[in-house]
Amino acid sequence: MGACYTACLGKTLGGLEMTAGFECCDEVDVSLAMKEIGYPVKVIPSFSLGYGEAEVANSPAELASITTKAFQQSPLHRIRIETME
């Protein structure tokens, strides 16, 4: 498991329920996250403004391509994977 793998399931922030998701810092983290949630998922580079750089993955092939790009876009090489509920 990567050093930053964090599940955000059923948590609240400032009284607002957070979307179920995971913070990931490598492909191992992504694999662990995907064992918990299914497709489709939203992939967001950390420290992006809003969801402007978010992309949706509907399959393992799309997820691999999108996460590679998202890790490169994030200054700390971290991403968030969220459910599409």
C-alpha atoms as a PDB file:
ATOM      1  CA  MET A   1       0.000   0.000   0.000  1.00  0.00           C
ATOM      2  CA  GLY A   2       1.278   3.454  -0.876  1.00  0.00           C
ATOM      3  CA  ALA A   3       2.118   6.010   1.781  1.00  0.00           C
ATOM      4  CA  CYS A   4      -0.887   8.220   1.042  1.00  0.00           C
ATOM      5  CA  TYR A   5      -3.708   5.705   0.434  1.00  0.00           C
ATOM      6  CA  THR A   6      -6.664   7.139   2.347  1.00  0.00           C
ATOM      7  CA  ALA A   7     -10.300   6.105   2.141  1.00  0.00           C
ATOM      8  CA  CYS A   8     -12.900   8.858   2.464  1.00  0.00           C
ATOM      9  CA  LEU A   9     -16.028   6.784   2.826  1.00  0.00           C
ATOM     10  CA  GLY A  10     -18.937   8.197   4.788  1.00  0.00           C
ATOM     11  CA  LYS A  11     -16.902  11.088   6.202  1.00  0.00           C
ATOM     12  CA  THR A  12     -18.074  14.646   6.599  1.00  0.00           C
ATOM     13  CA  LEU A  13     -16.233  17.919   6.184  1.00  0.00           C
ATOM     14  CA  GLY A  14     -17.735  20.988   7.798  1.00  0.00           C
ATOM     15  CA  GLY A  15     -21.065  19.193   8.156  1.00  0.00           C
ATOM     16  CA  LEU A  16     -21.198  18.217   4.466  1.00  0.00           C
ATOM     17  CA  GLU A  17     -20.975  14.580   3.469  1.00  0.00           C
ATOM     18  CA  MET A  18     -17.977  13.909   1.240  1.00  0.00           C
ATOM     19  CA  THR A  19     -18.264  11.924  -1.974  1.00  0.00           C
ATOM     20  CA  ALA A  20     -16.928   8.415  -1.427  1.00  0.00           C
ATOM     21  CA  GLY A  21     -13.389   8.312  -2.713  1.00  0.00           C
ATOM     22  CA  PHE A  22      -9.735   7.571  -2.174  1.00  0.00           C
ATOM     23  CA  GLU A  23      -6.520   9.580  -2.125  1.00  0.00           C
ATOM     24  CA  CYS A  24      -3.830   7.718  -4.078  1.00  0.00           C
ATOM     25  CA  CYS A  25      -0.141   8.336  -4.737  1.00  0.00           C
ATOM     26  CA  ASP A  26       0.703   5.400  -7.015  1.00  0.00           C
ATOM     27  CA  GLU A  27      -0.768   2.608  -9.124  1.00  0.00           C
ATOM     28  CA  VAL A  28      -0.829   0.248  -6.129  1.00  0.00           C
ATOM     29  CA  ASP A  29      -3.121   2.685  -4.321  1.00  0.00           C
ATOM     30  CA  VAL A  30      -5.347   2.919  -7.400  1.00  0.00           C
ATOM     31  CA  SER A  31      -5.622  -0.866  -7.513  1.00  0.00           C
ATOM     32  CA  LEU A  32      -6.580  -0.993  -3.832  1.00  0.00           C
ATOM     33  CA  ALA A  33      -9.171   1.742  -4.303  1.00  0.00           C
ATOM     34  CA  MET A  34     -10.763  -0.045  -7.238  1.00  0.00           C
ATOM     35  CA  LYS A  35     -11.258  -3.145  -5.080  1.00  0.00           C
ATOM     36  CA  GLU A  36     -13.565  -0.989  -2.933  1.00  0.00           C
ATOM     37  CA  ILE A  37     -15.508   0.848  -5.635  1.00  0.00           C
ATOM     38  CA  GLY A  38     -16.597   0.071  -9.175  1.00  0.00           C
ATOM     39  CA  TYR A  39     -16.844   1.916 -12.466  1.00  0.00           C
ATOM     40  CA  PRO A  40     -17.475   4.593 -13.467  1.00  0.00           C
ATOM     41  CA  VAL A  41     -15.112   6.699 -11.345  1.00  0.00           C
ATOM     42  CA  LYS A  42     -13.995  10.315 -11.429  1.00  0.00           C
ATOM     43  CA  VAL A  43     -10.201  10.853 -11.358  1.00  0.00           C
ATOM     44  CA  ILE A  44      -8.993  14.224 -10.061  1.00  0.00           C
ATOM     45  CA  PRO A  45      -5.380  15.400  -9.805  1.00  0.00           C
ATOM     46  CA  SER A  46      -4.684  16.728  -6.294  1.00  0.00           C
ATOM     47  CA  PHE A  47      -4.522  20.484  -5.963  1.00  0.00           C
ATOM     48  CA  SER A  48      -6.584  21.131  -9.076  1.00  0.00           C
ATOM     49  CA  LEU A  49      -8.992  24.040  -8.888  1.00  0.00           C
ATOM     50  CA  GLY A  50     -12.500  22.691  -8.682  1.00  0.00           C
ATOM     51  CA  TYR A  51     -13.130  19.711 -10.921  1.00  0.00           C
ATOM     52  CA  GLY A  52     -11.744  21.355 -14.066  1.00  0.00           C
ATOM     53  CA  GLU A  53      -9.165  18.637 -14.655  1.00  0.00           C
ATOM     54  CA  ALA A  54     -11.356  15.714 -13.574  1.00  0.00           C
ATOM     55  CA  GLU A  55     -11.949  12.866 -16.015  1.00  0.00           C
ATOM     56  CA  VAL A  56     -14.283   9.889 -15.913  1.00  0.00           C
ATOM     57  CA  ALA A  57     -13.007   6.326 -16.337  1.00  0.00           C
ATOM     58  CA  ASN A  58     -15.456   3.622 -17.384  1.00  0.00           C
ATOM     59  CA  SER A  59     -13.015   0.727 -17.774  1.00  0.00           C
ATOM     60  CA  PRO A  60      -9.599  -0.480 -16.592  1.00  0.00           C
ATOM     61  CA  ALA A  61      -7.972   0.718 -19.838  1.00  0.00           C
ATOM     62  CA  GLU A  62      -9.446   4.219 -19.464  1.00  0.00           C
ATOM     63  CA  LEU A  63      -8.463   4.288 -15.786  1.00  0.00           C
ATOM     64  CA  ALA A  64      -4.823   3.438 -16.574  1.00  0.00           C
ATOM     65  CA  SER A  65      -4.577   6.192 -19.179  1.00  0.00           C
ATOM     66  CA  ILE A  66      -6.362   8.812 -17.071  1.00  0.00           C
ATOM     67  CA  THR A  67      -4.463   8.071 -13.840  1.00  0.00           C
ATOM     68  CA  THR A  68      -1.100   8.269 -15.611  1.00  0.00           C
ATOM     69  CA  LYS A  69      -1.988  11.733 -16.894  1.00  0.00           C
ATOM     70  CA  ALA A  70      -3.483  12.815 -13.550  1.00  0.00           C
ATOM     71  CA  PHE A  71      -0.362  11.800 -11.598  1.00  0.00           C
ATOM     72  CA  GLN A  72       1.709  13.917 -14.005  1.00  0.00           C
ATOM     73  CA  GLN A  73      -0.636  16.920 -13.619  1.00  0.00           C
ATOM     74  CA  SER A  74      -0.557  16.885  -9.813  1.00  0.00           C
ATOM     75  CA  PRO A  75       2.361  18.803  -8.276  1.00  0.00           C
ATOM     76  CA  LEU A  76       2.610  16.202  -5.479  1.00  0.00           C
ATOM     77  CA  HIS A  77       1.814  13.228  -7.769  1.00  0.00           C
ATOM     78  CA  ARG A  78      -1.372  12.464  -5.846  1.00  0.00           C
ATOM     79  CA  ILE A  79      -4.851  11.902  -7.190  1.00  0.00           C
ATOM     80  CA  ARG A  80      -8.348  11.400  -5.847  1.00  0.00           C
ATOM     81  CA  ILE A  81     -10.634   8.710  -7.190  1.00  0.00           C
ATOM     82  CA  GLU A  82     -14.334   9.268  -6.474  1.00  0.00           C
ATOM     83  CA  THR A  83     -17.483   7.272  -7.074  1.00  0.00           C
ATOM     84  CA  MET A  84     -19.961   8.722  -9.545  1.00  0.00           C
ATOM     85  CA  GLU A  85     -22.960   8.503  -7.196  1.00  0.00           C
END
